[in-house]
Structures are given as structure tokens and as C-alpha cells.
Amino acid sequence: ERYMFGIYLSGTGNTKHCIEKLALLLDESATVLPIESEDVIREAEQNETIILGYPTQFSNVPIMVRNFIRDNDIWKGKKVLCVATMGAFSGDGAGCSARLLKKKGARIIGGLHLRMPDSVCDSKLLKKSLEENREIVLSTDKKIEEAARDIQNGKYPKEGISFASHIIGLLGQRLWFYGKTRNYSDKLKISDKCIGCGLCSKICPMKNIEISNGKAVTNGKCTMCYRCISNCP
């Protein structure tokens, strides 16, 4: 049985960066895979400790991640560190998955909140300069390194998993925006400029997009990860 395994949902690469960095600092032999990989279940079964990472959406866990936790019986007895990435604020981004995982028999060893550049790239209000985003990443890299040192010394971060954090996340965002994260979205709009190159259909973690008559079409299973929007030429 191996020691450490990282699982992540990452649209634009923020969460991928964080989970890879943290897992490899803790265990040089760690395996890290995206949640949509065919090998995720097998790897999870072979490792005793799992780092689960995802971007928060209005202080909630993306529905793809919630369903992954609910639908797979790999958690009983596993030690899980919940890592939530965010553009600004989340009261209990890590706690939302921690509560689901506990119901599946997992042992929650910690929670970590990491600020990264906002992945919502089609909103002018959320855009920052390249220099500002680089500073955010550098600051978070330092936080990850500090967290890894603490964990190696037996001190796990506990961000977002307390009852107080639960209340902050609930009242701060989730109650007001729960409708946006309750189900998969059917709101993804395909631009008239689409040339049907097929890139989005290849990279969508939900296999939600296909090419029909030379244009991308959606199937109402968007997890709002922004991978297609960020990569569209």
C-alpha cells in the first residue's frame, strides 16, 4: 500500500498546481491525478492518505466533486485532507466536502484554503493584471510550503472545517447562491464565432461538449470549471 494520492478538479490549472505542489512536497513518490482520470479509483484504493482538491463555487463544492464523493465507495478508513482553492473568499470551502466524506467513513485530517487567480475569465470585474496574479500565486506557493512543513511536523491545517467556518460559509454565500451550484448547469453558451475545432470537447471533464455540424453543442452537464472558456482559441 502506498502513502499519498492527490485528486483534483481543475478547470484553469489553479487547483492542479496547488495539489501537485503540496502532494509532492509531502511525498516525492505521490501520484496526483485529475478527478476525471480512469485510474482515479484504483489509485485511491491503493493509498492510505488522499488530498482532495477543487475550486469553490459560491462557498460550495462543484457538483462533479460532490457526486464523485457520493458515488464511490473508496473513502472508508481513508485519511483525507480537503483543499479548496478560491478567487476571493470561502468560509467553509474545505468543510463542505469534509462533511460529505465523513458520512462515507473517511477520517478528515485537515482543511486548507488557497487563494489563486480567479478562474472566471469572462467577467471584467474579476480580472487582474498578470503581475497581480503572479503575486497571488507566489503568496500561495509560500502558504503551501508552510503547510507542508507543518504537516511533516504533525500539525495539520484546519481551515474551513470548524462549526464557525460552516456558519460563515452558509450565511456569507451559500444560502444566497445555492441554486447556482445545486445541479449541473445548462447555461453554457457557445459563441457564434465557434469554428468547431473540437478542443473544448476533448478537454471537458464532464464530456459535456460535442461537435455537431461543425459547431460545439452542450448537453446540460456543465460543472462550471471554466476549462473550455479559458482554452478556447
C-alpha atoms as a PDB file:
ATOM      1  CA  GLU A   1       0.000   0.000   0.000  1.00  0.00           C
ATOM      2  CA  ARG A   2       1.369   3.400  -0.990  1.00  0.00           C
ATOM      3  CA  TYR A   3       1.150   6.518   1.110  1.00  0.00           C
ATOM      4  CA  MET A   4      -0.114   9.652  -0.644  1.00  0.00           C
ATOM      5  CA  PHE A   5      -2.520  10.296  -3.507  1.00  0.00           C
ATOM      6  CA  GLY A   6      -3.795  13.624  -4.819  1.00  0.00           C
ATOM      7  CA  ILE A   7      -7.142  14.011  -6.622  1.00  0.00           C
ATOM      8  CA  TYR A   8      -8.214  17.315  -8.128  1.00  0.00           C
ATOM      9  CA  LEU A   9     -10.822  19.020 -10.246  1.00  0.00           C
ATOM     10  CA  SER A  10      -9.122  21.872 -12.053  1.00  0.00           C
ATOM     11  CA  GLY A  11     -10.581  23.994 -14.801  1.00  0.00           C
ATOM     12  CA  THR A  12      -7.855  26.525 -15.491  1.00  0.00           C
ATOM     13  CA  GLY A  13      -4.934  24.804 -13.735  1.00  0.00           C
ATOM     14  CA  ASN A  14      -5.094  26.599 -10.376  1.00  0.00           C
ATOM     15  CA  THR A  15      -6.091  23.588  -8.300  1.00  0.00           C
ATOM     16  CA  LYS A  16      -3.848  21.245 -10.295  1.00  0.00           C
ATOM     17  CA  HIS A  17      -0.855  23.430  -9.448  1.00  0.00           C
ATOM     18  CA  CYS A  18      -1.720  23.513  -5.738  1.00  0.00           C
ATOM     19  CA  ILE A  19      -2.399  19.805  -5.284  1.00  0.00           C
ATOM     20  CA  GLU A  20       0.670  18.712  -7.240  1.00  0.00           C
ATOM     21  CA  LYS A  21       2.893  21.060  -5.249  1.00  0.00           C
ATOM     22  CA  LEU A  22       1.514  20.038  -1.852  1.00  0.00           C
ATOM     23  CA  ALA A  23       1.417  16.291  -2.536  1.00  0.00           C
ATOM     24  CA  LEU A  24       4.965  16.152  -3.898  1.00  0.00           C
ATOM     25  CA  LEU A  25       6.323  18.234  -1.011  1.00  0.00           C
ATOM     26  CA  LEU A  26       4.796  15.711   1.392  1.00  0.00           C
ATOM     27  CA  ASP A  27       5.703  12.576  -0.568  1.00  0.00           C
ATOM     28  CA  GLU A  28       8.100  12.606  -3.522  1.00  0.00           C
ATOM     29  CA  SER A  29       6.525   9.377  -4.800  1.00  0.00           C
ATOM     30  CA  ALA A  30       2.954  10.685  -4.602  1.00  0.00           C
ATOM     31  CA  THR A  31       0.608  10.138  -7.529  1.00  0.00           C
ATOM     32  CA  VAL A  32      -1.624  13.078  -8.494  1.00  0.00           C
ATOM     33  CA  LEU A  33      -4.497  12.694 -10.980  1.00  0.00           C
ATOM     34  CA  PRO A  34      -7.455  14.725 -12.234  1.00  0.00           C
ATOM     35  CA  ILE A  35     -10.823  13.573 -10.952  1.00  0.00           C
ATOM     36  CA  GLU A  36     -11.933  12.508 -14.451  1.00  0.00           C
ATOM     37  CA  SER A  37      -8.994  10.109 -14.935  1.00  0.00           C
ATOM     38  CA  GLU A  38      -9.859   6.451 -15.485  1.00  0.00           C
ATOM     39  CA  ASP A  39      -7.205   5.494 -12.907  1.00  0.00           C
ATOM     40  CA  VAL A  40      -8.525   7.603 -10.025  1.00  0.00           C
ATOM     41  CA  ILE A  41     -10.489   4.865  -8.236  1.00  0.00           C
ATOM     42  CA  ARG A  42      -7.686   2.301  -8.474  1.00  0.00           C
ATOM     43  CA  GLU A  43      -5.100   4.760  -7.159  1.00  0.00           C
ATOM     44  CA  ALA A  44      -7.365   5.887  -4.323  1.00  0.00           C
ATOM     45  CA  GLU A  45      -7.847   2.296  -3.210  1.00  0.00           C
ATOM     46  CA  GLN A  46      -4.066   1.765  -3.055  1.00  0.00           C
ATOM     47  CA  ASN A  47      -3.227   4.819  -0.925  1.00  0.00           C
ATOM     48  CA  GLU A  48      -3.981   5.438   2.722  1.00  0.00           C
ATOM     49  CA  THR A  49      -3.924   9.252   2.547  1.00  0.00           C
ATOM     50  CA  ILE A  50      -5.811  11.314  -0.042  1.00  0.00           C
ATOM     51  CA  ILE A  51      -5.538  15.024  -0.772  1.00  0.00           C
ATOM     52  CA  LEU A  52      -8.778  16.130  -2.423  1.00  0.00           C
ATOM     53  CA  GLY A  53      -8.640  19.497  -4.189  1.00  0.00           C
ATOM     54  CA  TYR A  54     -11.250  21.552  -6.029  1.00  0.00           C
ATOM     55  CA  PRO A  55     -12.232  25.171  -6.723  1.00  0.00           C
ATOM     56  CA  THR A  56     -15.018  26.576  -4.594  1.00  0.00           C
ATOM     57  CA  GLN A  57     -18.152  27.935  -6.229  1.00  0.00           C
ATOM     58  CA  PHE A  58     -20.034  30.391  -4.003  1.00  0.00           C
ATOM     59  CA  SER A  59     -18.560  28.669  -0.904  1.00  0.00           C
ATOM     60  CA  ASN A  60     -19.647  25.271  -2.197  1.00  0.00           C
ATOM     61  CA  VAL A  61     -18.017  22.231  -3.755  1.00  0.00           C
ATOM     62  CA  PRO A  62     -18.565  21.754  -7.515  1.00  0.00           C
ATOM     63  CA  ILE A  63     -21.333  19.230  -8.120  1.00  0.00           C
ATOM     64  CA  MET A  64     -18.950  16.961 -10.061  1.00  0.00           C
ATOM     65  CA  VAL A  65     -16.854  16.603  -6.893  1.00  0.00           C
ATOM     66  CA  ARG A  66     -19.890  16.120  -4.669  1.00  0.00           C
ATOM     67  CA  ASN A  67     -21.153  13.358  -6.929  1.00  0.00           C
ATOM     68  CA  PHE A  68     -17.701  11.760  -7.051  1.00  0.00           C
ATOM     69  CA  ILE A  69     -17.649  11.577  -3.252  1.00  0.00           C
ATOM     70  CA  ARG A  70     -21.208  10.263  -3.087  1.00  0.00           C
ATOM     71  CA  ASP A  71     -20.964   7.674  -5.865  1.00  0.00           C
ATOM     72  CA  ASN A  72     -17.659   5.968  -4.985  1.00  0.00           C
ATOM     73  CA  ASP A  73     -17.116   3.670  -2.006  1.00  0.00           C
ATOM     74  CA  ILE A  74     -13.395   4.327  -1.663  1.00  0.00           C
ATOM     75  CA  TRP A  75     -13.435   6.554   1.408  1.00  0.00           C
ATOM     76  CA  LYS A  76     -13.975   4.272   4.392  1.00  0.00           C
ATOM     77  CA  GLY A  77     -10.930   4.411   6.650  1.00  0.00           C
ATOM     78  CA  LYS A  78      -9.025   6.804   4.371  1.00  0.00           C
ATOM     79  CA  LYS A  79      -7.289   9.856   5.785  1.00  0.00           C
ATOM     80  CA  VAL A  80      -8.361  12.872   3.712  1.00  0.00           C
ATOM     81  CA  LEU A  81      -7.012  16.409   3.562  1.00  0.00           C
ATOM     82  CA  CYS A  82      -9.545  18.718   1.888  1.00  0.00           C
ATOM     83  CA  VAL A  83      -8.045  21.581  -0.133  1.00  0.00           C
ATOM     84  CA  ALA A  84     -10.243  24.344  -1.548  1.00  0.00           C
ATOM     85  CA  THR A  85      -8.963  26.948  -3.982  1.00  0.00           C
ATOM     86  CA  MET A  86     -10.772  30.243  -4.401  1.00  0.00           C
ATOM     87  CA  GLY A  87     -10.581  33.622  -6.091  1.00  0.00           C
ATOM     88  CA  ALA A  88     -11.505  35.628  -3.014  1.00  0.00           C
ATOM     89  CA  PHE A  89     -13.385  34.174  -0.038  1.00  0.00           C
ATOM     90  CA  SER A  90     -14.846  30.940   1.263  1.00  0.00           C
ATOM     91  CA  GLY A  91     -15.949  30.349   4.824  1.00  0.00           C
ATOM     92  CA  ASP A  92     -16.013  26.558   4.682  1.00  0.00           C
ATOM     93  CA  GLY A  93     -14.971  25.530   1.182  1.00  0.00           C
ATOM     94  CA  ALA A  94     -12.965  22.654   2.656  1.00  0.00           C
ATOM     95  CA  GLY A  95     -15.652  21.839   5.211  1.00  0.00           C
ATOM     96  CA  CYS A  96     -18.327  21.260   2.559  1.00  0.00           C
ATOM     97  CA  SER A  97     -16.514  18.196   1.235  1.00  0.00           C
ATOM     98  CA  ALA A  98     -15.296  17.175   4.696  1.00  0.00           C
ATOM     99  CA  ARG A  99     -18.875  16.735   5.904  1.00  0.00           C
ATOM    100  CA  LEU A 100     -19.748  14.579   2.884  1.00  0.00           C
ATOM    101  CA  LEU A 101     -16.606  12.490   3.305  1.00  0.00           C
ATOM    102  CA  LYS A 102     -17.277  11.836   6.983  1.00  0.00           C
ATOM    103  CA  LYS A 103     -20.633  10.326   6.016  1.00  0.00           C
ATOM    104  CA  LYS A 104     -18.721   7.949   3.721  1.00  0.00           C
ATOM    105  CA  GLY A 105     -16.435   6.817   6.549  1.00  0.00           C
ATOM    106  CA  ALA A 106     -13.383   8.966   5.833  1.00  0.00           C
ATOM    107  CA  ARG A 107     -11.209  10.422   8.561  1.00  0.00           C
ATOM    108  CA  ILE A 108     -10.698  14.147   7.919  1.00  0.00           C
ATOM    109  CA  ILE A 109      -7.144  15.090   8.876  1.00  0.00           C
ATOM    110  CA  GLY A 110      -7.298  18.739   7.847  1.00  0.00           C
ATOM    111  CA  GLY A 111      -8.551  21.531   5.634  1.00  0.00           C
ATOM    112  CA  LEU A 112      -6.653  24.112   3.616  1.00  0.00           C
ATOM    113  CA  HIS A 113      -7.899  27.216   1.788  1.00  0.00           C
ATOM    114  CA  LEU A 114      -5.714  28.574  -1.004  1.00  0.00           C
ATOM    115  CA  ARG A 115      -6.279  31.827  -2.865  1.00  0.00           C
ATOM    116  CA  MET A 116      -5.468  31.685  -6.566  1.00  0.00           C
ATOM    117  CA  PRO A 117      -6.152  33.900  -9.601  1.00  0.00           C
ATOM    118  CA  ASP A 118      -9.878  33.978 -10.282  1.00  0.00           C
ATOM    119  CA  SER A 119     -10.801  31.432 -12.943  1.00  0.00           C
ATOM    120  CA  VAL A 120     -13.928  33.330 -14.014  1.00  0.00           C
ATOM    121  CA  CYS A 121     -12.163  34.809 -17.016  1.00  0.00           C
ATOM    122  CA  ASP A 122     -15.161  36.320 -18.834  1.00  0.00           C
ATOM    123  CA  SER A 123     -16.002  38.864 -16.123  1.00  0.00           C
ATOM    124  CA  LYS A 124     -14.244  42.239 -16.289  1.00  0.00           C
ATOM    125  CA  LEU A 125     -14.934  42.824 -12.590  1.00  0.00           C
ATOM    126  CA  LEU A 126     -12.820  39.812 -11.601  1.00  0.00           C
ATOM    127  CA  LYS A 127      -9.884  40.387 -13.942  1.00  0.00           C
ATOM    128  CA  LYS A 128      -6.497  41.296 -12.521  1.00  0.00           C
ATOM    129  CA  SER A 129      -3.206  42.175 -14.164  1.00  0.00           C
ATOM    130  CA  LEU A 130      -0.633  39.490 -14.908  1.00  0.00           C
ATOM    131  CA  GLU A 131       1.618  40.943 -12.216  1.00  0.00           C
ATOM    132  CA  GLU A 132      -1.176  40.854  -9.613  1.00  0.00           C
ATOM    133  CA  ASN A 133      -1.941  37.222 -10.469  1.00  0.00           C
ATOM    134  CA  ARG A 134       1.735  36.292 -10.223  1.00  0.00           C
ATOM    135  CA  GLU A 135       1.870  37.826  -6.748  1.00  0.00           C
ATOM    136  CA  ILE A 136      -1.183  35.794  -5.715  1.00  0.00           C
ATOM    137  CA  VAL A 137       0.448  32.565  -6.918  1.00  0.00           C
ATOM    138  CA  LEU A 138       3.777  33.368  -5.195  1.00  0.00           C
ATOM    139  CA  SER A 139       1.987  34.080  -1.931  1.00  0.00           C
ATOM    140  CA  THR A 140       0.001  30.843  -2.152  1.00  0.00           C
ATOM    141  CA  ASP A 141       3.111  28.843  -3.016  1.00  0.00           C
ATOM    142  CA  LYS A 142       4.645  30.070   0.249  1.00  0.00           C
ATOM    143  CA  LYS A 143       1.499  29.075   2.136  1.00  0.00           C
ATOM    144  CA  ILE A 144       1.628  25.585   0.599  1.00  0.00           C
ATOM    145  CA  GLU A 145       5.285  25.219   1.589  1.00  0.00           C
ATOM    146  CA  GLU A 146       4.491  26.310   5.153  1.00  0.00           C
ATOM    147  CA  ALA A 147       1.545  23.902   5.319  1.00  0.00           C
ATOM    148  CA  ALA A 148       3.743  21.040   4.078  1.00  0.00           C
ATOM    149  CA  ARG A 149       6.333  21.770   6.771  1.00  0.00           C
ATOM    150  CA  ASP A 150       3.637  21.883   9.453  1.00  0.00           C
ATOM    151  CA  ILE A 151       2.111  18.595   8.246  1.00  0.00           C
ATOM    152  CA  GLN A 152       5.505  16.911   8.278  1.00  0.00           C
ATOM    153  CA  ASN A 153       5.762  18.019  11.910  1.00  0.00           C
ATOM    154  CA  GLY A 154       2.359  16.527  12.665  1.00  0.00           C
ATOM    155  CA  LYS A 155       0.386  19.785  12.627  1.00  0.00           C
ATOM    156  CA  TYR A 156      -2.412  19.757  10.055  1.00  0.00           C
ATOM    157  CA  PRO A 157      -4.155  22.950   8.890  1.00  0.00           C
ATOM    158  CA  LYS A 158      -7.794  23.139   9.993  1.00  0.00           C
ATOM    159  CA  GLU A 159      -9.129  25.852   7.702  1.00  0.00           C
ATOM    160  CA  GLY A 160     -12.807  25.756   6.796  1.00  0.00           C
ATOM    161  CA  ILE A 161     -13.727  22.664   8.799  1.00  0.00           C
ATOM    162  CA  SER A 162     -14.904  24.175  12.091  1.00  0.00           C
ATOM    163  CA  PHE A 163     -18.535  24.869  13.006  1.00  0.00           C
ATOM    164  CA  ALA A 164     -17.850  28.621  12.957  1.00  0.00           C
ATOM    165  CA  SER A 165     -16.496  28.306   9.402  1.00  0.00           C
ATOM    166  CA  HIS A 166     -19.627  26.373   8.451  1.00  0.00           C
ATOM    167  CA  ILE A 167     -21.845  29.248   9.601  1.00  0.00           C
ATOM    168  CA  ILE A 168     -19.676  31.850   7.833  1.00  0.00           C
ATOM    169  CA  GLY A 169     -19.787  29.935   4.552  1.00  0.00           C
ATOM    170  CA  LEU A 170     -23.507  29.304   4.843  1.00  0.00           C
ATOM    171  CA  LEU A 171     -24.501  32.885   5.631  1.00  0.00           C
ATOM    172  CA  GLY A 172     -21.752  34.534   3.612  1.00  0.00           C
ATOM    173  CA  GLN A 173     -22.502  32.962   0.240  1.00  0.00           C
ATOM    174  CA  ARG A 174     -24.034  29.514   0.046  1.00  0.00           C
ATOM    175  CA  LEU A 175     -27.560  30.321   1.210  1.00  0.00           C
ATOM    176  CA  TRP A 176     -27.883  33.118  -1.338  1.00  0.00           C
ATOM    177  CA  PHE A 177     -26.327  31.276  -4.277  1.00  0.00           C
ATOM    178  CA  TYR A 178     -27.175  27.627  -3.615  1.00  0.00           C
ATOM    179  CA  GLY A 179     -29.359  27.486  -6.713  1.00  0.00           C
ATOM    180  CA  LYS A 180     -26.287  28.140  -8.860  1.00  0.00           C
ATOM    181  CA  THR A 181     -24.460  25.092  -7.507  1.00  0.00           C
ATOM    182  CA  ARG A 182     -27.330  22.685  -6.829  1.00  0.00           C
ATOM    183  CA  ASN A 183     -27.112  20.917 -10.198  1.00  0.00           C
ATOM    184  CA  TYR A 184     -25.034  20.792 -13.347  1.00  0.00           C
ATOM    185  CA  SER A 185     -25.543  23.877 -15.468  1.00  0.00           C
ATOM    186  CA  ASP A 186     -27.248  24.068 -18.847  1.00  0.00           C
ATOM    187  CA  LYS A 187     -26.317  27.743 -19.210  1.00  0.00           C
ATOM    188  CA  LEU A 188     -23.046  27.317 -21.143  1.00  0.00           C
ATOM    189  CA  LYS A 189     -23.368  29.441 -24.284  1.00  0.00           C
ATOM    190  CA  ILE A 190     -21.466  28.679 -27.490  1.00  0.00           C
ATOM    191  CA  SER A 191     -20.302  31.775 -29.362  1.00  0.00           C
ATOM    192  CA  ASP A 192     -21.313  32.338 -32.979  1.00  0.00           C
ATOM    193  CA  LYS A 193     -17.566  32.562 -33.631  1.00  0.00           C
ATOM    194  CA  CYS A 194     -17.150  28.839 -32.852  1.00  0.00           C
ATOM    195  CA  ILE A 195     -15.257  27.122 -35.700  1.00  0.00           C
ATOM    196  CA  GLY A 196     -15.822  23.586 -34.438  1.00  0.00           C
ATOM    197  CA  CYS A 197     -12.125  22.865 -33.755  1.00  0.00           C
ATOM    198  CA  GLY A 198     -13.103  20.295 -31.100  1.00  0.00           C
ATOM    199  CA  LEU A 199     -10.656  21.399 -28.396  1.00  0.00           C
ATOM    200  CA  CYS A 200     -13.394  22.027 -25.837  1.00  0.00           C
ATOM    201  CA  SER A 201     -14.954  18.615 -26.407  1.00  0.00           C
ATOM    202  CA  LYS A 202     -11.587  16.945 -25.778  1.00  0.00           C
ATOM    203  CA  ILE A 203     -10.784  18.741 -22.531  1.00  0.00           C
ATOM    204  CA  CYS A 204     -14.202  18.923 -20.827  1.00  0.00           C
ATOM    205  CA  PRO A 205     -14.041  16.778 -17.643  1.00  0.00           C
ATOM    206  CA  MET A 206     -17.766  16.002 -17.939  1.00  0.00           C
ATOM    207  CA  LYS A 207     -17.710  15.066 -21.656  1.00  0.00           C
ATOM    208  CA  ASN A 208     -20.430  17.701 -21.818  1.00  0.00           C
ATOM    209  CA  ILE A 209     -19.461  19.171 -25.204  1.00  0.00           C
ATOM    210  CA  GLU A 210     -19.560  17.539 -28.620  1.00  0.00           C
ATOM    211  CA  ILE A 211     -19.116  18.787 -32.165  1.00  0.00           C
ATOM    212  CA  SER A 212     -22.203  18.661 -34.355  1.00  0.00           C
ATOM    213  CA  ASN A 213     -22.465  20.140 -37.842  1.00  0.00           C
ATOM    214  CA  GLY A 214     -19.171  21.953 -37.367  1.00  0.00           C
ATOM    215  CA  LYS A 215     -20.069  23.638 -34.093  1.00  0.00           C
ATOM    216  CA  ALA A 216     -19.790  22.835 -30.387  1.00  0.00           C
ATOM    217  CA  VAL A 217     -23.036  21.844 -28.674  1.00  0.00           C
ATOM    218  CA  THR A 218     -23.646  21.176 -24.986  1.00  0.00           C
ATOM    219  CA  ASN A 219     -25.560  18.515 -23.107  1.00  0.00           C
ATOM    220  CA  GLY A 220     -26.548  20.348 -19.903  1.00  0.00           C
ATOM    221  CA  LYS A 221     -23.845  18.716 -17.741  1.00  0.00           C
ATOM    222  CA  CYS A 222     -21.536  21.696 -17.167  1.00  0.00           C
ATOM    223  CA  THR A 223     -19.714  21.742 -13.822  1.00  0.00           C
ATOM    224  CA  MET A 224     -18.676  25.400 -14.347  1.00  0.00           C
ATOM    225  CA  CYS A 225     -14.942  24.654 -14.269  1.00  0.00           C
ATOM    226  CA  TYR A 226     -14.151  27.234 -16.995  1.00  0.00           C
ATOM    227  CA  ARG A 227     -11.677  24.928 -18.748  1.00  0.00           C
ATOM    228  CA  CYS A 228     -13.360  25.296 -22.141  1.00  0.00           C
ATOM    229  CA  ILE A 229     -13.712  29.074 -21.904  1.00  0.00           C
ATOM    230  CA  SER A 230     -10.108  29.553 -20.801  1.00  0.00           C
ATOM    231  CA  ASN A 231      -8.687  27.365 -23.560  1.00  0.00           C
ATOM    232  CA  CYS A 232     -10.931  28.394 -26.454  1.00  0.00           C
ATOM    233  CA  PRO A 233      -8.745  29.946 -29.198  1.00  0.00           C
END
